[in-house]
Amino acid sequence: MPVSTRRSLRGALSAALVAAIVAMPQVASADEVRDRQYWLQEYGISQAWQFTKGAGVTSAVMDTGVDSTHVDLQGVVVGGTDVSGIGAPDGQTPVGVSGEHGTMVASLAAGRGHGDGAGVIGSAPEASILSVSMSFQGTSIPADDQIARAVIWAVDNGADVISL
């Protein structure tokens, strides 16, 4: 095959490939954050939502505290306490070196996202969160005592699920 024919064929194939790619339906992207939540599909969470999204379930997040003002947690945190002795009485001011950890855990559990398909959506986006702030650094209260107090408080305040 002459070189000029190969170039013409290559050009035609390239043009056809570009046209095919442009004509392909594009997957609507919610946003960069939601796009990275691979577990919603891979672990069957979005399929489970046809049966429940956690409505009526209260989960206690015993961690560094949950920042209830986070955009993806609006209306999610329904109560809280601090068992570390260094946090806010409502457990909603993160404590410790990685203070954002409790907020992250809460958003993965019951985040509601924000806007139209944006932000973090949790496994149970209709569940409620109780925030229990704990810290194993910078406090004189032993870890075992904090855990015991946190569990008792969570159960007494209606937790169906406890995340520690």
Protein backbone atom coordinates (compact mmCIF):
# COMPACT_ATOMS: atom_id res chain seq x y z
CA MET A 1 0.00 0.00 0.00
CA PRO A 2 1.46 3.38 -0.96
CA VAL A 3 2.44 5.78 1.84
CA SER A 4 -0.12 8.37 0.72
CA THR A 5 -2.93 5.79 0.93
CA ARG A 6 -1.83 4.71 4.42
CA ARG A 7 -1.79 8.36 5.55
CA SER A 8 -5.27 8.91 4.12
CA LEU A 9 -6.54 5.75 5.78
CA ARG A 10 -4.91 6.68 9.09
CA GLY A 11 -6.43 10.18 8.88
CA ALA A 12 -9.88 8.78 8.11
CA LEU A 13 -9.66 6.31 11.01
CA SER A 14 -8.51 9.05 13.38
CA ALA A 15 -11.38 11.29 12.30
CA ALA A 16 -13.88 8.43 12.74
CA LEU A 17 -12.50 7.64 16.19
CA VAL A 18 -12.77 11.27 17.31
CA ALA A 19 -16.32 11.48 15.96
CA ALA A 20 -17.28 8.28 17.80
CA ILE A 21 -15.84 9.54 21.08
CA VAL A 22 -17.61 12.89 20.76
CA ALA A 23 -20.90 11.14 19.96
CA MET A 24 -20.66 8.81 22.99
CA PRO A 25 -23.07 9.66 25.79
CA GLN A 26 -21.18 11.25 28.66
CA VAL A 27 -21.73 10.10 32.22
CA ALA A 28 -23.09 12.96 34.30
CA SER A 29 -20.66 13.76 37.08
CA ALA A 30 -22.10 14.87 40.40
CA ASP A 31 -18.87 16.42 41.59
CA GLU A 32 -15.30 15.42 42.30
CA VAL A 33 -16.06 14.36 45.88
CA ARG A 34 -19.04 12.17 44.98
CA ASP A 35 -17.13 10.70 42.02
CA ARG A 36 -14.48 9.39 44.43
CA GLN A 37 -17.03 7.50 46.56
CA TYR A 38 -16.48 4.22 44.69
CA TRP A 39 -17.82 2.16 47.59
CA LEU A 40 -21.37 3.36 47.01
CA GLN A 41 -21.54 1.18 43.89
CA GLU A 42 -18.79 -1.38 44.52
CA TYR A 43 -20.04 -2.38 47.97
CA GLY A 44 -23.72 -2.41 47.01
CA ILE A 45 -24.67 0.57 49.16
CA SER A 46 -26.59 2.41 46.45
CA GLN A 47 -28.47 -0.82 45.67
CA ALA A 48 -29.38 -1.20 49.36
CA TRP A 49 -30.96 2.26 49.27
CA GLN A 50 -33.95 0.79 47.45
CA PHE A 51 -34.78 -0.88 50.79
CA THR A 52 -33.53 1.66 53.34
CA LYS A 53 -31.47 4.81 53.67
CA GLY A 54 -31.40 4.63 57.45
CA ALA A 55 -34.50 6.65 58.28
CA GLY A 56 -35.27 6.37 61.98
CA VAL A 57 -31.81 5.01 62.85
CA THR A 58 -29.56 6.88 65.27
CA SER A 59 -25.84 6.20 65.16
CA ALA A 60 -23.45 7.35 67.88
CA VAL A 61 -20.06 8.36 66.52
CA MET A 62 -17.56 8.05 69.38
CA ASP A 63 -14.53 9.73 67.98
CA THR A 64 -12.93 13.18 68.00
CA GLY A 65 -16.29 14.96 67.82
CA VAL A 66 -18.49 15.81 64.86
CA ASP A 67 -18.60 19.31 63.36
CA SER A 68 -22.33 19.64 62.78
CA THR A 69 -21.80 22.82 60.73
CA HIS A 70 -20.11 20.84 57.93
CA VAL A 71 -22.03 21.41 54.70
CA ASP A 72 -22.69 17.69 54.17
CA LEU A 73 -23.94 17.18 57.74
CA GLN A 74 -26.62 19.85 57.94
CA GLY A 75 -29.45 18.55 60.16
CA VAL A 76 -27.72 15.20 60.77
CA VAL A 77 -26.32 15.65 64.31
CA VAL A 78 -29.19 15.44 66.80
CA GLY A 79 -27.24 15.47 70.05
CA GLY A 80 -23.90 14.92 71.63
CA THR A 81 -21.61 15.01 74.61
CA ASP A 82 -17.94 15.14 75.49
CA VAL A 83 -16.37 12.41 77.62
CA SER A 84 -12.78 13.62 77.30
CA GLY A 85 -13.06 16.62 79.58
CA ILE A 86 -11.45 18.86 76.96
CA GLY A 87 -14.20 19.20 74.33
CA ALA A 88 -17.43 21.16 74.06
CA PRO A 89 -20.32 19.86 76.17
CA ASP A 90 -22.29 18.94 73.03
CA GLY A 91 -19.43 16.90 71.52
CA GLN A 92 -19.50 18.99 68.37
CA THR A 93 -16.16 20.75 68.68
CA PRO A 94 -13.54 18.33 67.38
CA VAL A 95 -10.69 17.52 69.80
CA GLY A 96 -7.30 15.85 69.48
CA VAL A 97 -4.56 15.81 66.90
CA SER A 98 -6.82 14.61 64.07
CA GLY A 99 -9.95 16.46 65.13
CA GLU A 100 -11.56 16.14 61.71
CA HIS A 101 -11.66 12.33 61.94
CA GLY A 102 -15.02 12.18 63.75
CA THR A 103 -16.59 14.51 61.19
CA MET A 104 -15.27 12.32 58.37
CA VAL A 105 -16.65 9.17 60.00
CA ALA A 106 -20.06 10.82 60.51
CA SER A 107 -20.19 11.97 56.89
CA LEU A 108 -19.40 8.47 55.62
CA ALA A 109 -22.13 7.09 57.87
CA ALA A 110 -24.91 9.63 57.38
CA GLY A 111 -23.71 12.49 55.16
CA ARG A 112 -26.49 14.05 53.14
CA GLY A 113 -24.36 15.77 50.51
CA HIS A 114 -25.33 19.22 49.37
CA GLY A 115 -26.72 20.77 46.25
CA ASP A 116 -27.68 18.54 43.36
CA GLY A 117 -25.64 15.37 43.73
CA ALA A 118 -22.64 17.11 45.28
CA GLY A 119 -20.63 16.39 48.41
CA VAL A 120 -20.31 13.36 50.62
CA ILE A 121 -23.28 11.06 50.90
CA GLY A 122 -23.13 8.43 53.60
CA SER A 123 -24.14 4.80 53.68
CA ALA A 124 -27.31 5.76 55.56
CA PRO A 125 -28.08 9.33 54.42
CA GLU A 126 -31.39 9.47 56.30
CA ALA A 127 -29.93 8.37 59.66
CA SER A 128 -29.18 10.70 62.55
CA ILE A 129 -25.89 11.11 64.42
CA LEU A 130 -25.07 11.49 68.09
CA SER A 131 -21.60 13.01 68.50
CA VAL A 132 -19.47 11.80 71.40
CA SER A 133 -16.09 13.51 71.54
CA MET A 134 -13.21 11.55 73.02
CA SER A 135 -9.47 12.06 73.15
CA PHE A 136 -6.70 9.81 74.29
CA GLN A 137 -4.21 12.69 74.37
CA GLY A 138 -4.25 15.87 76.42
CA THR A 139 -6.75 14.60 78.97
CA SER A 140 -6.47 13.07 82.41
CA ILE A 141 -9.46 10.77 81.88
CA PRO A 142 -8.27 7.24 81.03
CA ALA A 143 -9.31 5.82 77.66
CA ASP A 144 -11.24 2.92 79.23
CA ASP A 145 -13.27 5.35 81.35
CA GLN A 146 -14.05 7.51 78.31
CA ILE A 147 -15.20 4.50 76.30
CA ALA A 148 -17.43 3.24 79.12
CA ARG A 149 -18.97 6.70 79.63
CA ALA A 150 -19.46 7.10 75.87
CA VAL A 151 -21.24 3.77 75.46
CA ILE A 152 -23.53 4.38 78.43
CA TRP A 153 -24.37 7.90 77.22
CA ALA A 154 -25.03 6.69 73.67
CA VAL A 155 -27.37 3.91 74.77
CA ASP A 156 -29.16 6.21 77.22
CA ASN A 157 -29.67 8.74 74.40
CA GLY A 158 -31.16 6.39 71.84
CA ALA A 159 -28.24 5.05 69.79
CA ASP A 160 -29.20 2.10 67.59
CA VAL A 161 -25.66 1.81 66.24
CA ILE A 162 -22.35 2.67 67.90
CA SER A 163 -19.25 3.54 65.91
CA LEU A 164 -16.06 3.56 67.97
